[in-house]
Amino acid sequence: MNRIIFVAVLMFAVSGVRAEWEGNADLGVSFATGNTESLDTDLALDVTWTGERLTHEFDLTAYRSDISADLGELRIRAQNVVDADYAMRFRRLGSSWYGTVNADAYYDLGIDGRLTGSVGGGRQLVDTGRHTLTVEVGVGQTVQRAPNAAFEFGETAWLWSLEGQWWLIPERLEFTAGARGLHIAGQGHVYDGETVLRVVVLGPLTAGLRVDVHKETQPPPGREPTDVLARLTLGVAF
């Protein structure tokens, strides 16, 4: 894990001088079902740093909720959910194939946390300027804190993702959708899906509808296997 992070930071520093970046910062109202029956505020930040051969992508989603999770006779209050992802992609000039280094951190309802580091590869299936579609696979290591346990354990993890973007109206109305799967040896599967419809209102100001789905095949006791988070957002594109 430390080696993966060191390589990512080193390559970022080398490529940063010639890179360009863009992103979106959204503040919204959340409607959640599953483990998180609530009406709350949330923050989403997406930043992409693009160089000649390297691309760095940072994604952060955080929302505050007052949740009760039922663990038998014990009910615990959960306050925060944070999902942070980093991906570095490197390719030869003119190639649709690329390598990846990923680090994903997920803190869920105060019950458990998970950190995954991985390496892999991907391919740009479609890139027309108005439409993009990419697919990625990778293998890595997961460190996770179990509920009510004072220890952490590491397991091998296999990952895949599929992501597409479509400008319904060029530079005005954007639709993006993505799905990710994570198989943790002995710990089941984790699936994340994201759908975003974003419209440019005026200049850098945007408004949108964002729906996230999180599903675990072996959730900790007291937690539902599926969370759905729908968000109405106002944001800034930069």
C-alpha atoms as a PDB file:
ATOM      1  CA  MET A   1       0.000   0.000   0.000  1.00  0.00           C
ATOM      2  CA  ASN A   2       2.766   2.470   0.932  1.00  0.00           C
ATOM      3  CA  ARG A   3       4.600   1.691  -2.312  1.00  0.00           C
ATOM      4  CA  ILE A   4       1.463   2.376  -4.362  1.00  0.00           C
ATOM      5  CA  ILE A   5       0.912   5.737  -2.659  1.00  0.00           C
ATOM      6  CA  PHE A   6       4.607   6.695  -3.074  1.00  0.00           C
ATOM      7  CA  VAL A   7       4.584   5.920  -6.801  1.00  0.00           C
ATOM      8  CA  ALA A   8       1.335   7.876  -7.270  1.00  0.00           C
ATOM      9  CA  VAL A   9       2.704  10.966  -5.504  1.00  0.00           C
ATOM     10  CA  LEU A  10       6.011  10.807  -7.414  1.00  0.00           C
ATOM     11  CA  MET A  11       4.352  10.543 -10.835  1.00  0.00           C
ATOM     12  CA  PHE A  12       1.930  13.322  -9.929  1.00  0.00           C
ATOM     13  CA  ALA A  13       4.809  15.639  -9.053  1.00  0.00           C
ATOM     14  CA  VAL A  14       6.676  14.879 -12.273  1.00  0.00           C
ATOM     15  CA  SER A  15       3.647  15.461 -14.509  1.00  0.00           C
ATOM     16  CA  GLY A  16       2.007  18.348 -12.654  1.00  0.00           C
ATOM     17  CA  VAL A  17       3.909  21.190 -14.330  1.00  0.00           C
ATOM     18  CA  ARG A  18       2.434  20.522 -17.780  1.00  0.00           C
ATOM     19  CA  ALA A  19      -1.001  19.402 -16.643  1.00  0.00           C
ATOM     20  CA  GLU A  20      -4.376  21.093 -16.907  1.00  0.00           C
ATOM     21  CA  TRP A  21      -7.217  20.567 -14.467  1.00  0.00           C
ATOM     22  CA  GLU A  22     -10.986  20.865 -14.341  1.00  0.00           C
ATOM     23  CA  GLY A  23     -13.711  19.813 -11.964  1.00  0.00           C
ATOM     24  CA  ASN A  24     -17.029  20.340 -10.245  1.00  0.00           C
ATOM     25  CA  ALA A  25     -17.938  21.229  -6.673  1.00  0.00           C
ATOM     26  CA  ASP A  26     -21.560  20.512  -5.737  1.00  0.00           C
ATOM     27  CA  LEU A  27     -23.498  21.299  -2.560  1.00  0.00           C
ATOM     28  CA  GLY A  28     -26.860  19.634  -2.338  1.00  0.00           C
ATOM     29  CA  VAL A  29     -29.814  18.331  -0.399  1.00  0.00           C
ATOM     30  CA  SER A  30     -29.832  14.555   0.085  1.00  0.00           C
ATOM     31  CA  PHE A  31     -32.739  12.135   0.208  1.00  0.00           C
ATOM     32  CA  ALA A  32     -31.471   8.771   1.443  1.00  0.00           C
ATOM     33  CA  THR A  33     -33.076   5.341   1.835  1.00  0.00           C
ATOM     34  CA  GLY A  34     -31.726   2.040   3.143  1.00  0.00           C
ATOM     35  CA  ASN A  35     -29.410   2.530   6.118  1.00  0.00           C
ATOM     36  CA  THR A  36     -29.776   6.283   5.879  1.00  0.00           C
ATOM     37  CA  GLU A  37     -33.431   7.292   6.157  1.00  0.00           C
ATOM     38  CA  SER A  38     -32.829  11.016   6.205  1.00  0.00           C
ATOM     39  CA  LEU A  39     -33.005  14.440   4.621  1.00  0.00           C
ATOM     40  CA  ASP A  40     -29.587  16.043   4.837  1.00  0.00           C
ATOM     41  CA  THR A  41     -26.970  18.184   3.125  1.00  0.00           C
ATOM     42  CA  ASP A  42     -23.995  16.815   1.246  1.00  0.00           C
ATOM     43  CA  LEU A  43     -20.858  17.817  -0.610  1.00  0.00           C
ATOM     44  CA  ALA A  44     -19.417  16.307  -3.794  1.00  0.00           C
ATOM     45  CA  LEU A  45     -16.086  17.302  -5.319  1.00  0.00           C
ATOM     46  CA  ASP A  46     -14.679  15.933  -8.589  1.00  0.00           C
ATOM     47  CA  VAL A  47     -11.300  17.118  -9.893  1.00  0.00           C
ATOM     48  CA  THR A  48      -9.380  15.845 -12.927  1.00  0.00           C
ATOM     49  CA  TRP A  49      -5.767  16.788 -13.628  1.00  0.00           C
ATOM     50  CA  THR A  50      -4.778  15.918 -17.204  1.00  0.00           C
ATOM     51  CA  GLY A  51      -1.231  15.850 -18.540  1.00  0.00           C
ATOM     52  CA  GLU A  52       0.371  14.629 -21.750  1.00  0.00           C
ATOM     53  CA  ARG A  53       0.448  11.001 -20.667  1.00  0.00           C
ATOM     54  CA  LEU A  54      -0.890  11.040 -17.106  1.00  0.00           C
ATOM     55  CA  THR A  55      -4.332  11.753 -15.698  1.00  0.00           C
ATOM     56  CA  HIS A  56      -5.085  12.206 -11.987  1.00  0.00           C
ATOM     57  CA  GLU A  57      -8.674  12.060 -10.815  1.00  0.00           C
ATOM     58  CA  PHE A  58      -9.935  12.901  -7.311  1.00  0.00           C
ATOM     59  CA  ASP A  59     -13.517  12.238  -6.187  1.00  0.00           C
ATOM     60  CA  LEU A  60     -14.945  13.058  -2.770  1.00  0.00           C
ATOM     61  CA  THR A  61     -18.502  12.569  -1.532  1.00  0.00           C
ATOM     62  CA  ALA A  62     -19.501  13.461   2.025  1.00  0.00           C
ATOM     63  CA  TYR A  63     -22.844  13.865   3.734  1.00  0.00           C
ATOM     64  CA  ARG A  64     -24.046  14.401   7.286  1.00  0.00           C
ATOM     65  CA  SER A  65     -26.884  12.321   8.685  1.00  0.00           C
ATOM     66  CA  ASP A  66     -28.470  11.464  12.008  1.00  0.00           C
ATOM     67  CA  ILE A  67     -28.959   7.732  11.620  1.00  0.00           C
ATOM     68  CA  SER A  68     -29.776   4.851  13.936  1.00  0.00           C
ATOM     69  CA  ALA A  69     -28.340   1.462  13.045  1.00  0.00           C
ATOM     70  CA  ASP A  70     -29.857  -1.503  14.876  1.00  0.00           C
ATOM     71  CA  LEU A  71     -27.310  -3.927  16.353  1.00  0.00           C
ATOM     72  CA  GLY A  72     -29.585  -6.154  18.394  1.00  0.00           C
ATOM     73  CA  GLU A  73     -30.358  -4.309  21.628  1.00  0.00           C
ATOM     74  CA  LEU A  74     -27.732  -1.655  20.889  1.00  0.00           C
ATOM     75  CA  ARG A  75     -28.610   1.329  18.709  1.00  0.00           C
ATOM     76  CA  ILE A  76     -25.788   3.598  17.573  1.00  0.00           C
ATOM     77  CA  ARG A  77     -26.015   7.112  16.185  1.00  0.00           C
ATOM     78  CA  ALA A  78     -24.086   7.682  12.953  1.00  0.00           C
ATOM     79  CA  GLN A  79     -23.147  11.177  11.816  1.00  0.00           C
ATOM     80  CA  ASN A  80     -21.016  11.081   8.692  1.00  0.00           C
ATOM     81  CA  VAL A  81     -20.409   9.206   5.471  1.00  0.00           C
ATOM     82  CA  VAL A  82     -17.256   9.900   3.458  1.00  0.00           C
ATOM     83  CA  ASP A  83     -16.208   8.251   0.186  1.00  0.00           C
ATOM     84  CA  ALA A  84     -12.874   9.421  -1.261  1.00  0.00           C
ATOM     85  CA  ASP A  85     -11.302   7.990  -4.427  1.00  0.00           C
ATOM     86  CA  TYR A  86      -8.055   8.681  -6.259  1.00  0.00           C
ATOM     87  CA  ALA A  87      -7.087   7.288  -9.656  1.00  0.00           C
ATOM     88  CA  MET A  88      -3.938   7.789 -11.700  1.00  0.00           C
ATOM     89  CA  ARG A  89      -3.979   6.704 -15.351  1.00  0.00           C
ATOM     90  CA  PHE A  90      -0.907   6.570 -17.576  1.00  0.00           C
ATOM     91  CA  ARG A  91      -0.704   5.711 -21.281  1.00  0.00           C
ATOM     92  CA  ARG A  92       1.461   5.909 -24.363  1.00  0.00           C
ATOM     93  CA  LEU A  93       0.691   8.798 -26.691  1.00  0.00           C
ATOM     94  CA  GLY A  94      -2.111   7.912 -29.089  1.00  0.00           C
ATOM     95  CA  SER A  95      -3.015   4.662 -27.310  1.00  0.00           C
ATOM     96  CA  SER A  96      -6.509   3.800 -26.085  1.00  0.00           C
ATOM     97  CA  TRP A  97      -5.023   1.403 -23.489  1.00  0.00           C
ATOM     98  CA  TYR A  98      -3.689   2.683 -20.171  1.00  0.00           C
ATOM     99  CA  GLY A  99      -2.464   1.551 -16.762  1.00  0.00           C
ATOM    100  CA  THR A 100      -4.057   2.555 -13.462  1.00  0.00           C
ATOM    101  CA  VAL A 101      -3.143   3.083  -9.818  1.00  0.00           C
ATOM    102  CA  ASN A 102      -6.097   3.528  -7.447  1.00  0.00           C
ATOM    103  CA  ALA A 103      -6.671   4.327  -3.785  1.00  0.00           C
ATOM    104  CA  ASP A 104     -10.225   4.238  -2.409  1.00  0.00           C
ATOM    105  CA  ALA A 105     -11.320   5.085   1.138  1.00  0.00           C
ATOM    106  CA  TYR A 106     -14.862   4.512   2.424  1.00  0.00           C
ATOM    107  CA  TYR A 107     -16.163   5.405   5.880  1.00  0.00           C
ATOM    108  CA  ASP A 108     -19.689   4.157   6.376  1.00  0.00           C
ATOM    109  CA  LEU A 109     -22.092   5.328   9.094  1.00  0.00           C
ATOM    110  CA  GLY A 110     -19.577   5.099  11.906  1.00  0.00           C
ATOM    111  CA  ILE A 111     -19.818   1.318  11.728  1.00  0.00           C
ATOM    112  CA  ASP A 112     -16.759   0.433   9.696  1.00  0.00           C
ATOM    113  CA  GLY A 113     -14.147   1.834   7.323  1.00  0.00           C
ATOM    114  CA  ARG A 114     -12.333   0.425   4.320  1.00  0.00           C
ATOM    115  CA  LEU A 115      -9.193   1.404   2.408  1.00  0.00           C
ATOM    116  CA  THR A 116      -8.305  -0.264  -0.903  1.00  0.00           C
ATOM    117  CA  GLY A 117      -5.155   0.205  -2.979  1.00  0.00           C
ATOM    118  CA  SER A 118      -4.897  -1.385  -6.414  1.00  0.00           C
ATOM    119  CA  VAL A 119      -3.121  -1.468  -9.763  1.00  0.00           C
ATOM    120  CA  GLY A 120      -4.598  -2.465 -13.090  1.00  0.00           C
ATOM    121  CA  GLY A 121      -5.422  -1.331 -16.588  1.00  0.00           C
ATOM    122  CA  GLY A 122      -8.183   0.041 -18.738  1.00  0.00           C
ATOM    123  CA  ARG A 123      -9.250   1.059 -22.194  1.00  0.00           C
ATOM    124  CA  GLN A 124     -10.985   4.073 -23.681  1.00  0.00           C
ATOM    125  CA  LEU A 125     -13.722   2.392 -25.712  1.00  0.00           C
ATOM    126  CA  VAL A 126     -15.315   5.614 -26.995  1.00  0.00           C
ATOM    127  CA  ASP A 127     -13.940   9.161 -27.117  1.00  0.00           C
ATOM    128  CA  THR A 128     -15.683  11.523 -29.528  1.00  0.00           C
ATOM    129  CA  GLY A 129     -15.549  14.689 -27.458  1.00  0.00           C
ATOM    130  CA  ARG A 130     -19.288  14.462 -26.887  1.00  0.00           C
ATOM    131  CA  HIS A 131     -19.378  10.788 -25.838  1.00  0.00           C
ATOM    132  CA  THR A 132     -16.859   8.849 -23.728  1.00  0.00           C
ATOM    133  CA  LEU A 133     -16.866   5.291 -22.419  1.00  0.00           C
ATOM    134  CA  THR A 134     -14.099   3.592 -20.411  1.00  0.00           C
ATOM    135  CA  VAL A 135     -13.651   0.202 -18.752  1.00  0.00           C
ATOM    136  CA  GLU A 136     -11.079  -0.737 -16.089  1.00  0.00           C
ATOM    137  CA  VAL A 137      -9.982  -3.807 -14.102  1.00  0.00           C
ATOM    138  CA  GLY A 138      -7.482  -4.146 -11.277  1.00  0.00           C
ATOM    139  CA  VAL A 139      -6.223  -6.138  -8.303  1.00  0.00           C
ATOM    140  CA  GLY A 140      -5.166  -4.847  -4.924  1.00  0.00           C
ATOM    141  CA  GLN A 141      -5.311  -5.085  -1.155  1.00  0.00           C
ATOM    142  CA  THR A 142      -8.066  -4.046   1.247  1.00  0.00           C
ATOM    143  CA  VAL A 143      -7.692  -3.016   4.876  1.00  0.00           C
ATOM    144  CA  GLN A 144     -10.952  -2.908   6.798  1.00  0.00           C
ATOM    145  CA  ARG A 145     -12.008  -2.333  10.394  1.00  0.00           C
ATOM    146  CA  ALA A 146     -14.699  -4.757  11.444  1.00  0.00           C
ATOM    147  CA  PRO A 147     -17.677  -3.612  13.555  1.00  0.00           C
ATOM    148  CA  ASN A 148     -16.953  -3.532  17.323  1.00  0.00           C
ATOM    149  CA  ALA A 149     -13.449  -4.916  16.712  1.00  0.00           C
ATOM    150  CA  ALA A 150     -10.126  -3.468  17.778  1.00  0.00           C
ATOM    151  CA  PHE A 151      -8.170  -5.007  14.889  1.00  0.00           C
ATOM    152  CA  GLU A 152      -7.801  -4.534  11.162  1.00  0.00           C
ATOM    153  CA  PHE A 153      -7.365  -7.180   8.506  1.00  0.00           C
ATOM    154  CA  GLY A 154      -6.160  -7.147   4.917  1.00  0.00           C
ATOM    155  CA  GLU A 155      -7.612  -9.156   2.058  1.00  0.00           C
ATOM    156  CA  THR A 156      -6.940  -9.426  -1.661  1.00  0.00           C
ATOM    157  CA  ALA A 157      -9.426  -7.445  -3.731  1.00  0.00           C
ATOM    158  CA  TRP A 158     -10.427  -7.512  -7.400  1.00  0.00           C
ATOM    159  CA  LEU A 159     -11.986  -4.422  -8.966  1.00  0.00           C
ATOM    160  CA  TRP A 160     -13.771  -3.431 -12.157  1.00  0.00           C
ATOM    161  CA  SER A 161     -15.469  -0.279 -13.370  1.00  0.00           C
ATOM    162  CA  LEU A 162     -17.421   1.029 -16.349  1.00  0.00           C
ATOM    163  CA  GLU A 163     -18.022   4.758 -16.831  1.00  0.00           C
ATOM    164  CA  GLY A 164     -19.611   6.843 -19.566  1.00  0.00           C
ATOM    165  CA  GLN A 165     -20.277  10.511 -20.252  1.00  0.00           C
ATOM    166  CA  TRP A 166     -22.647  12.086 -22.764  1.00  0.00           C
ATOM    167  CA  TRP A 167     -23.185  15.761 -23.466  1.00  0.00           C
ATOM    168  CA  LEU A 168     -26.914  15.746 -24.293  1.00  0.00           C
ATOM    169  CA  ILE A 169     -26.558  19.431 -25.231  1.00  0.00           C
ATOM    170  CA  PRO A 170     -22.913  20.360 -25.934  1.00  0.00           C
ATOM    171  CA  GLU A 171     -21.393  22.306 -23.030  1.00  0.00           C
ATOM    172  CA  ARG A 172     -24.867  22.771 -21.530  1.00  0.00           C
ATOM    173  CA  LEU A 173     -26.509  19.505 -20.384  1.00  0.00           C
ATOM    174  CA  GLU A 174     -24.304  16.621 -19.234  1.00  0.00           C
ATOM    175  CA  PHE A 175     -25.198  13.040 -18.322  1.00  0.00           C
ATOM    176  CA  THR A 176     -22.693  10.698 -16.670  1.00  0.00           C
ATOM    177  CA  ALA A 177     -23.174   7.179 -15.351  1.00  0.00           C
ATOM    178  CA  GLY A 178     -20.785   4.699 -13.824  1.00  0.00           C
ATOM    179  CA  ALA A 179     -20.686   1.358 -12.038  1.00  0.00           C
ATOM    180  CA  ARG A 180     -17.929  -0.202  -9.931  1.00  0.00           C
ATOM    181  CA  GLY A 181     -17.539  -3.617  -8.414  1.00  0.00           C
ATOM    182  CA  LEU A 182     -15.198  -4.755  -5.632  1.00  0.00           C
ATOM    183  CA  HIS A 183     -14.714  -8.395  -4.635  1.00  0.00           C
ATOM    184  CA  ILE A 184     -12.929  -8.826  -1.294  1.00  0.00           C
ATOM    185  CA  ALA A 185     -11.648 -12.345  -0.670  1.00  0.00           C
ATOM    186  CA  GLY A 186     -13.765 -13.891   2.066  1.00  0.00           C
ATOM    187  CA  GLN A 187     -15.773 -10.699   2.572  1.00  0.00           C
ATOM    188  CA  GLY A 188     -18.211 -10.707  -0.359  1.00  0.00           C
ATOM    189  CA  HIS A 189     -18.880  -8.082  -3.000  1.00  0.00           C
ATOM    190  CA  VAL A 190     -19.363  -4.310  -2.898  1.00  0.00           C
ATOM    191  CA  TYR A 191     -21.063  -2.439  -5.747  1.00  0.00           C
ATOM    192  CA  ASP A 192     -21.246   1.322  -6.308  1.00  0.00           C
ATOM    193  CA  GLY A 193     -23.298   3.057  -8.975  1.00  0.00           C
ATOM    194  CA  GLU A 194     -23.481   6.750  -9.784  1.00  0.00           C
ATOM    195  CA  THR A 195     -25.722   8.716 -12.154  1.00  0.00           C
ATOM    196  CA  VAL A 196     -25.444  12.487 -12.632  1.00  0.00           C
ATOM    197  CA  LEU A 197     -27.551  14.841 -14.741  1.00  0.00           C
ATOM    198  CA  ARG A 198     -26.010  18.316 -14.647  1.00  0.00           C
ATOM    199  CA  VAL A 199     -27.055  21.496 -16.448  1.00  0.00           C
ATOM    200  CA  VAL A 200     -24.944  24.626 -16.802  1.00  0.00           C
ATOM    201  CA  VAL A 201     -27.160  27.440 -15.515  1.00  0.00           C
ATOM    202  CA  LEU A 202     -25.052  30.556 -16.009  1.00  0.00           C
ATOM    203  CA  GLY A 203     -21.314  30.788 -16.535  1.00  0.00           C
ATOM    204  CA  PRO A 204     -19.687  28.352 -14.087  1.00  0.00           C
ATOM    205  CA  LEU A 205     -22.895  27.808 -12.058  1.00  0.00           C
ATOM    206  CA  THR A 206     -24.536  24.391 -12.403  1.00  0.00           C
ATOM    207  CA  ALA A 207     -27.585  22.546 -11.105  1.00  0.00           C
ATOM    208  CA  GLY A 208     -28.134  18.832 -11.122  1.00  0.00           C
ATOM    209  CA  LEU A 209     -29.660  15.607  -9.950  1.00  0.00           C
ATOM    210  CA  ARG A 210     -27.279  12.943  -8.611  1.00  0.00           C
ATOM    211  CA  VAL A 211     -28.169   9.380  -7.552  1.00  0.00           C
ATOM    212  CA  ASP A 212     -25.684   7.060  -5.817  1.00  0.00           C
ATOM    213  CA  VAL A 213     -26.292   3.385  -5.024  1.00  0.00           C
ATOM    214  CA  HIS A 214     -24.117   1.379  -2.609  1.00  0.00           C
ATOM    215  CA  LYS A 215     -24.687  -2.354  -2.139  1.00  0.00           C
ATOM    216  CA  GLU A 216     -22.843  -4.974  -0.083  1.00  0.00           C
ATOM    217  CA  THR A 217     -23.531  -8.699  -0.301  1.00  0.00           C
ATOM    218  CA  GLN A 218     -22.241  -9.263   3.267  1.00  0.00           C
ATOM    219  CA  PRO A 219     -22.987  -6.073   5.243  1.00  0.00           C
ATOM    220  CA  PRO A 220     -22.052  -5.788   8.929  1.00  0.00           C
ATOM    221  CA  PRO A 221     -24.807  -6.635  11.458  1.00  0.00           C
ATOM    222  CA  GLY A 222     -27.406  -3.914  11.804  1.00  0.00           C
ATOM    223  CA  ARG A 223     -26.907  -2.468   8.336  1.00  0.00           C
ATOM    224  CA  GLU A 224     -29.053  -2.894   5.265  1.00  0.00           C
ATOM    225  CA  PRO A 225     -27.281  -4.282   2.173  1.00  0.00           C
ATOM    226  CA  THR A 226     -28.326  -1.365  -0.065  1.00  0.00           C
ATOM    227  CA  ASP A 227     -28.150   2.421   0.313  1.00  0.00           C
ATOM    228  CA  VAL A 228     -29.650   4.811  -2.230  1.00  0.00           C
ATOM    229  CA  LEU A 229     -28.722   8.481  -1.990  1.00  0.00           C
ATOM    230  CA  ALA A 230     -30.539  10.976  -4.256  1.00  0.00           C
ATOM    231  CA  ARG A 231     -29.271  14.554  -4.292  1.00  0.00           C
ATOM    232  CA  LEU A 232     -30.446  17.847  -5.750  1.00  0.00           C
ATOM    233  CA  THR A 233     -27.352  19.983  -6.195  1.00  0.00           C
ATOM    234  CA  LEU A 234     -26.108  23.482  -6.920  1.00  0.00           C
ATOM    235  CA  GLY A 235     -22.493  23.785  -7.847  1.00  0.00           C
ATOM    236  CA  VAL A 236     -19.592  25.403  -9.655  1.00  0.00           C
ATOM    237  CA  ALA A 237     -17.680  24.032 -12.633  1.00  0.00           C
ATOM    238  CA  PHE A 238     -14.013  25.018 -12.844  1.00  0.00           C
END
